[in-house]
Amino acid sequence: ARHPPPCTLHMGEDVSLRPLPPGTPLRDVVGEHLRVFVHECTWTWAREEHMDYESAKIARQADEACAARFARLYNAETFEQAVVARGVVPAVPLNQWEAQAGSCWMPYDAVNNKKVEDAHLRGESRVELHLGPKAWKYEVHLDRMLQVNSKTGAERPLCCRKGMPPPGAPTLEDVRAAVRYFVDLDTLPEKP
């Protein structure tokens, strides 16, 4: 029987994040970012060392001297900075927008919270949201601090809690724990 040739990754595939399904555990998300980060660092290091990318992939582990030079770019501190810069976790927590439902305040999910926050930052007075299991249409009136049901006209007070991450959003501490996991596996070196 004939076997297909082995699959080889090209540099473009090495530095492209693979799509992850919603609800992927944070450690797996961080692991995917780490897979890309090691190749980005390899590309940068290859240029610094005046070698091609494929040679750099081999050389980065060839001996202690090469590994030490590579670790200047590829380490826990630089990786954490990259993960924050890519928005896996907000460097500064976003404001958390909430609507009052009876005696409780209900925070918007991450997607709708970002829509409201972005509209607020642009100075807009209104933003449209779709909320709930049936994606009911609401207008958020930032100028009046109200959430209005577009169909019924029912109004709910709106508030903004400063610097609160959206529900379920990973924190910097969560990301640091995931990074520590890869350091403990000897996949990622500490900062030299």
C-alpha atoms as a PDB file:
ATOM      1  CA  ALA A   1       0.000   0.000   0.000  1.00  0.00           C
ATOM      2  CA  ARG A   2       1.181   3.504  -0.782  1.00  0.00           C
ATOM      3  CA  HIS A   3       1.516   5.918   2.096  1.00  0.00           C
ATOM      4  CA  PRO A   4       0.988   9.633   1.653  1.00  0.00           C
ATOM      5  CA  PRO A   5       4.048  11.814   2.201  1.00  0.00           C
ATOM      6  CA  PRO A   6       4.483  13.087   5.751  1.00  0.00           C
ATOM      7  CA  CYS A   7       2.714  16.330   6.516  1.00  0.00           C
ATOM      8  CA  THR A   8       5.014  19.282   7.010  1.00  0.00           C
ATOM      9  CA  LEU A   9       4.058  22.595   8.522  1.00  0.00           C
ATOM     10  CA  HIS A  10       5.161  25.722   6.784  1.00  0.00           C
ATOM     11  CA  MET A  11       6.150  28.797   8.784  1.00  0.00           C
ATOM     12  CA  GLY A  12       2.762  30.448   8.093  1.00  0.00           C
ATOM     13  CA  GLU A  13       0.950  27.530   9.711  1.00  0.00           C
ATOM     14  CA  ASP A  14       3.347  27.581  12.662  1.00  0.00           C
ATOM     15  CA  VAL A  15       2.431  31.169  13.497  1.00  0.00           C
ATOM     16  CA  SER A  16      -1.330  30.960  12.917  1.00  0.00           C
ATOM     17  CA  LEU A  17      -3.685  30.271  15.796  1.00  0.00           C
ATOM     18  CA  ARG A  18      -5.935  27.306  15.182  1.00  0.00           C
ATOM     19  CA  PRO A  19      -9.634  27.923  15.824  1.00  0.00           C
ATOM     20  CA  LEU A  20     -10.744  26.686  19.244  1.00  0.00           C
ATOM     21  CA  PRO A  21     -14.372  25.912  20.079  1.00  0.00           C
ATOM     22  CA  PRO A  22     -16.212  28.095  22.584  1.00  0.00           C
ATOM     23  CA  GLY A  23     -15.703  26.882  26.126  1.00  0.00           C
ATOM     24  CA  THR A  24     -12.158  25.597  25.479  1.00  0.00           C
ATOM     25  CA  PRO A  25     -10.365  25.412  28.858  1.00  0.00           C
ATOM     26  CA  LEU A  26      -7.994  28.319  29.470  1.00  0.00           C
ATOM     27  CA  ARG A  27      -4.969  26.013  29.731  1.00  0.00           C
ATOM     28  CA  ASP A  28      -5.677  24.780  26.184  1.00  0.00           C
ATOM     29  CA  VAL A  29      -6.125  28.353  24.916  1.00  0.00           C
ATOM     30  CA  VAL A  30      -2.816  29.352  26.507  1.00  0.00           C
ATOM     31  CA  GLY A  31      -1.202  26.207  25.074  1.00  0.00           C
ATOM     32  CA  GLU A  32      -2.323  27.147  21.567  1.00  0.00           C
ATOM     33  CA  HIS A  33      -0.918  30.654  22.026  1.00  0.00           C
ATOM     34  CA  LEU A  34       2.320  29.087  23.292  1.00  0.00           C
ATOM     35  CA  ARG A  35       2.560  26.893  20.175  1.00  0.00           C
ATOM     36  CA  VAL A  36       2.375  30.025  18.022  1.00  0.00           C
ATOM     37  CA  PHE A  37       4.629  32.075  20.323  1.00  0.00           C
ATOM     38  CA  VAL A  38       7.516  29.591  20.172  1.00  0.00           C
ATOM     39  CA  HIS A  39       7.466  29.802  16.377  1.00  0.00           C
ATOM     40  CA  GLU A  40       7.241  33.605  16.358  1.00  0.00           C
ATOM     41  CA  CYS A  41      10.250  33.709  18.667  1.00  0.00           C
ATOM     42  CA  THR A  42      12.035  31.200  16.440  1.00  0.00           C
ATOM     43  CA  TRP A  43      11.423  33.430  13.413  1.00  0.00           C
ATOM     44  CA  THR A  44      12.780  36.496  15.206  1.00  0.00           C
ATOM     45  CA  TRP A  45      15.733  34.558  16.602  1.00  0.00           C
ATOM     46  CA  ALA A  46      16.530  33.093  13.160  1.00  0.00           C
ATOM     47  CA  ARG A  47      16.818  36.593  11.733  1.00  0.00           C
ATOM     48  CA  GLU A  48      19.001  37.727  14.656  1.00  0.00           C
ATOM     49  CA  GLU A  49      21.263  34.684  14.252  1.00  0.00           C
ATOM     50  CA  HIS A  50      21.384  35.005  10.444  1.00  0.00           C
ATOM     51  CA  MET A  51      19.916  31.585   9.733  1.00  0.00           C
ATOM     52  CA  ASP A  52      16.842  30.270   7.993  1.00  0.00           C
ATOM     53  CA  TYR A  53      13.720  29.372   9.946  1.00  0.00           C
ATOM     54  CA  GLU A  54      14.040  25.581   9.632  1.00  0.00           C
ATOM     55  CA  SER A  55      17.667  25.675  10.837  1.00  0.00           C
ATOM     56  CA  ALA A  56      16.644  27.874  13.774  1.00  0.00           C
ATOM     57  CA  LYS A  57      13.974  25.348  14.826  1.00  0.00           C
ATOM     58  CA  ILE A  58      16.734  22.757  15.220  1.00  0.00           C
ATOM     59  CA  ALA A  59      19.415  25.089  16.591  1.00  0.00           C
ATOM     60  CA  ARG A  60      17.255  26.537  19.393  1.00  0.00           C
ATOM     61  CA  GLN A  61      17.591  23.172  21.177  1.00  0.00           C
ATOM     62  CA  ALA A  62      20.997  22.116  19.850  1.00  0.00           C
ATOM     63  CA  ASP A  63      23.092  23.121  22.843  1.00  0.00           C
ATOM     64  CA  GLU A  64      22.965  25.193  26.025  1.00  0.00           C
ATOM     65  CA  ALA A  65      24.466  28.300  24.419  1.00  0.00           C
ATOM     66  CA  CYS A  66      21.804  28.371  21.685  1.00  0.00           C
ATOM     67  CA  ALA A  67      19.041  27.583  24.157  1.00  0.00           C
ATOM     68  CA  ALA A  68      20.200  30.443  26.400  1.00  0.00           C
ATOM     69  CA  ARG A  69      20.200  32.928  23.508  1.00  0.00           C
ATOM     70  CA  PHE A  70      16.770  31.719  22.392  1.00  0.00           C
ATOM     71  CA  ALA A  71      15.395  31.987  25.963  1.00  0.00           C
ATOM     72  CA  ARG A  72      16.062  35.717  25.850  1.00  0.00           C
ATOM     73  CA  LEU A  73      13.043  35.917  23.507  1.00  0.00           C
ATOM     74  CA  TYR A  74      11.155  32.798  24.553  1.00  0.00           C
ATOM     75  CA  ASN A  75      10.454  32.728  28.290  1.00  0.00           C
ATOM     76  CA  ALA A  76       7.578  32.919  30.762  1.00  0.00           C
ATOM     77  CA  GLU A  77       7.734  36.703  31.131  1.00  0.00           C
ATOM     78  CA  THR A  78       7.771  37.495  27.396  1.00  0.00           C
ATOM     79  CA  PHE A  79       5.034  34.926  26.775  1.00  0.00           C
ATOM     80  CA  GLU A  80       2.791  36.378  29.498  1.00  0.00           C
ATOM     81  CA  GLN A  81       3.255  39.838  27.955  1.00  0.00           C
ATOM     82  CA  ALA A  82       2.314  38.462  24.530  1.00  0.00           C
ATOM     83  CA  VAL A  83      -0.813  36.736  25.870  1.00  0.00           C
ATOM     84  CA  VAL A  84      -1.970  39.964  27.534  1.00  0.00           C
ATOM     85  CA  ALA A  85      -1.161  42.004  24.394  1.00  0.00           C
ATOM     86  CA  ARG A  86      -3.283  39.606  22.314  1.00  0.00           C
ATOM     87  CA  GLY A  87      -6.285  40.140  24.548  1.00  0.00           C
ATOM     88  CA  VAL A  88      -6.553  36.654  26.048  1.00  0.00           C
ATOM     89  CA  VAL A  89      -6.920  38.536  29.311  1.00  0.00           C
ATOM     90  CA  PRO A  90      -7.442  42.270  29.571  1.00  0.00           C
ATOM     91  CA  ALA A  91      -4.329  44.023  30.915  1.00  0.00           C
ATOM     92  CA  VAL A  92      -6.697  46.407  32.678  1.00  0.00           C
ATOM     93  CA  PRO A  93     -10.113  44.958  33.488  1.00  0.00           C
ATOM     94  CA  LEU A  94     -12.971  46.400  31.472  1.00  0.00           C
ATOM     95  CA  ASN A  95     -15.862  48.149  33.082  1.00  0.00           C
ATOM     96  CA  GLN A  96     -18.726  45.761  33.802  1.00  0.00           C
ATOM     97  CA  TRP A  97     -22.124  46.959  32.619  1.00  0.00           C
ATOM     98  CA  GLU A  98     -25.225  45.656  34.409  1.00  0.00           C
ATOM     99  CA  ALA A  99     -29.010  46.036  34.203  1.00  0.00           C
ATOM    100  CA  GLN A 100     -31.253  45.911  37.240  1.00  0.00           C
ATOM    101  CA  ALA A 101     -33.694  42.994  37.366  1.00  0.00           C
ATOM    102  CA  GLY A 102     -35.863  43.333  40.445  1.00  0.00           C
ATOM    103  CA  SER A 103     -33.589  43.668  43.456  1.00  0.00           C
ATOM    104  CA  CYS A 104     -30.554  42.221  41.613  1.00  0.00           C
ATOM    105  CA  TRP A 105     -28.063  43.621  39.159  1.00  0.00           C
ATOM    106  CA  MET A 106     -27.466  41.318  36.185  1.00  0.00           C
ATOM    107  CA  PRO A 107     -24.068  41.678  34.473  1.00  0.00           C
ATOM    108  CA  TYR A 108     -23.932  41.547  30.694  1.00  0.00           C
ATOM    109  CA  ASP A 109     -22.016  38.631  29.192  1.00  0.00           C
ATOM    110  CA  ALA A 110     -18.551  39.342  27.754  1.00  0.00           C
ATOM    111  CA  VAL A 111     -19.751  39.976  24.173  1.00  0.00           C
ATOM    112  CA  ASN A 112     -22.557  42.392  25.098  1.00  0.00           C
ATOM    113  CA  ASN A 113     -20.444  44.037  27.791  1.00  0.00           C
ATOM    114  CA  LYS A 114     -17.799  44.813  25.162  1.00  0.00           C
ATOM    115  CA  LYS A 115     -20.442  46.275  22.822  1.00  0.00           C
ATOM    116  CA  VAL A 116     -21.689  48.603  25.560  1.00  0.00           C
ATOM    117  CA  GLU A 117     -18.178  49.547  26.707  1.00  0.00           C
ATOM    118  CA  ASP A 118     -17.031  50.233  23.139  1.00  0.00           C
ATOM    119  CA  ALA A 119     -20.089  52.454  22.520  1.00  0.00           C
ATOM    120  CA  HIS A 120     -19.407  54.253  25.806  1.00  0.00           C
ATOM    121  CA  LEU A 121     -15.747  54.849  24.857  1.00  0.00           C
ATOM    122  CA  ARG A 122     -16.807  56.218  21.443  1.00  0.00           C
ATOM    123  CA  GLY A 123     -19.216  58.629  23.178  1.00  0.00           C
ATOM    124  CA  GLU A 124     -22.319  57.077  21.642  1.00  0.00           C
ATOM    125  CA  SER A 125     -25.632  57.558  23.431  1.00  0.00           C
ATOM    126  CA  ARG A 126     -27.228  54.242  22.345  1.00  0.00           C
ATOM    127  CA  VAL A 127     -26.269  50.684  21.476  1.00  0.00           C
ATOM    128  CA  GLU A 128     -28.426  47.742  20.388  1.00  0.00           C
ATOM    129  CA  LEU A 129     -28.058  44.373  22.141  1.00  0.00           C
ATOM    130  CA  HIS A 130     -29.637  40.946  21.774  1.00  0.00           C
ATOM    131  CA  LEU A 131     -30.048  39.305  25.171  1.00  0.00           C
ATOM    132  CA  GLY A 132     -31.378  36.122  26.668  1.00  0.00           C
ATOM    133  CA  PRO A 133     -31.960  32.664  25.243  1.00  0.00           C
ATOM    134  CA  LYS A 134     -34.216  34.064  22.500  1.00  0.00           C
ATOM    135  CA  ALA A 135     -31.902  36.992  21.701  1.00  0.00           C
ATOM    136  CA  TRP A 136     -34.493  39.638  22.527  1.00  0.00           C
ATOM    137  CA  LYS A 137     -33.679  43.063  21.146  1.00  0.00           C
ATOM    138  CA  TYR A 138     -32.822  45.808  23.630  1.00  0.00           C
ATOM    139  CA  GLU A 139     -31.518  49.332  23.330  1.00  0.00           C
ATOM    140  CA  VAL A 140     -29.089  50.546  25.920  1.00  0.00           C
ATOM    141  CA  HIS A 141     -29.401  54.289  26.421  1.00  0.00           C
ATOM    142  CA  LEU A 142     -26.062  55.359  27.823  1.00  0.00           C
ATOM    143  CA  ASP A 143     -27.184  58.975  28.058  1.00  0.00           C
ATOM    144  CA  ARG A 144     -30.103  57.979  30.317  1.00  0.00           C
ATOM    145  CA  MET A 145     -28.457  54.868  31.878  1.00  0.00           C
ATOM    146  CA  LEU A 146     -31.384  52.639  30.876  1.00  0.00           C
ATOM    147  CA  GLN A 147     -31.897  49.317  29.123  1.00  0.00           C
ATOM    148  CA  VAL A 148     -35.080  49.407  27.045  1.00  0.00           C
ATOM    149  CA  ASN A 149     -36.901  46.389  25.616  1.00  0.00           C
ATOM    150  CA  SER A 150     -37.452  47.392  21.977  1.00  0.00           C
ATOM    151  CA  LYS A 151     -40.731  45.446  21.719  1.00  0.00           C
ATOM    152  CA  THR A 152     -42.438  46.308  25.026  1.00  0.00           C
ATOM    153  CA  GLY A 153     -40.736  49.564  25.959  1.00  0.00           C
ATOM    154  CA  ALA A 154     -40.021  48.188  29.449  1.00  0.00           C
ATOM    155  CA  GLU A 155     -37.098  50.016  31.043  1.00  0.00           C
ATOM    156  CA  ARG A 156     -34.464  48.836  33.497  1.00  0.00           C
ATOM    157  CA  PRO A 157     -31.851  50.964  35.225  1.00  0.00           C
ATOM    158  CA  LEU A 158     -28.281  50.493  34.004  1.00  0.00           C
ATOM    159  CA  CYS A 159     -25.063  50.784  35.991  1.00  0.00           C
ATOM    160  CA  CYS A 160     -21.370  50.491  35.311  1.00  0.00           C
ATOM    161  CA  ARG A 161     -18.984  48.893  37.773  1.00  0.00           C
ATOM    162  CA  LYS A 162     -15.524  50.250  37.126  1.00  0.00           C
ATOM    163  CA  GLY A 163     -12.715  47.847  36.293  1.00  0.00           C
ATOM    164  CA  MET A 164     -14.685  44.621  36.657  1.00  0.00           C
ATOM    165  CA  PRO A 165     -13.914  41.733  34.287  1.00  0.00           C
ATOM    166  CA  PRO A 166     -16.950  40.265  32.505  1.00  0.00           C
ATOM    167  CA  PRO A 167     -18.352  37.067  34.026  1.00  0.00           C
ATOM    168  CA  GLY A 168     -16.276  34.070  33.024  1.00  0.00           C
ATOM    169  CA  ALA A 169     -13.438  36.175  31.599  1.00  0.00           C
ATOM    170  CA  PRO A 170     -10.008  34.852  32.568  1.00  0.00           C
ATOM    171  CA  THR A 171      -8.025  36.966  34.995  1.00  0.00           C
ATOM    172  CA  LEU A 172      -4.325  37.703  34.825  1.00  0.00           C
ATOM    173  CA  GLU A 173      -3.888  35.294  37.753  1.00  0.00           C
ATOM    174  CA  ASP A 174      -5.655  32.554  35.753  1.00  0.00           C
ATOM    175  CA  VAL A 175      -3.296  33.130  32.822  1.00  0.00           C
ATOM    176  CA  ARG A 176      -0.263  33.148  35.118  1.00  0.00           C
ATOM    177  CA  ALA A 177      -1.347  29.781  36.528  1.00  0.00           C
ATOM    178  CA  ALA A 178      -1.675  28.376  32.999  1.00  0.00           C
ATOM    179  CA  VAL A 179       1.751  29.778  32.066  1.00  0.00           C
ATOM    180  CA  ARG A 180       3.200  28.239  35.257  1.00  0.00           C
ATOM    181  CA  TYR A 181       1.799  24.875  34.133  1.00  0.00           C
ATOM    182  CA  PHE A 182       3.913  25.033  30.959  1.00  0.00           C
ATOM    183  CA  VAL A 183       6.965  26.224  32.912  1.00  0.00           C
ATOM    184  CA  ASP A 184       6.560  23.256  35.268  1.00  0.00           C
ATOM    185  CA  LEU A 185       6.410  20.929  32.247  1.00  0.00           C
ATOM    186  CA  ASP A 186       9.753  22.393  31.067  1.00  0.00           C
ATOM    187  CA  THR A 187       8.002  23.527  27.883  1.00  0.00           C
ATOM    188  CA  LEU A 188       8.642  27.191  28.642  1.00  0.00           C
ATOM    189  CA  PRO A 189      11.712  28.498  30.456  1.00  0.00           C
ATOM    190  CA  GLU A 190      11.648  31.031  33.273  1.00  0.00           C
ATOM    191  CA  LYS A 191      12.988  34.471  32.448  1.00  0.00           C
ATOM    192  CA  PRO A 192      16.782  34.124  32.160  1.00  0.00           C
END
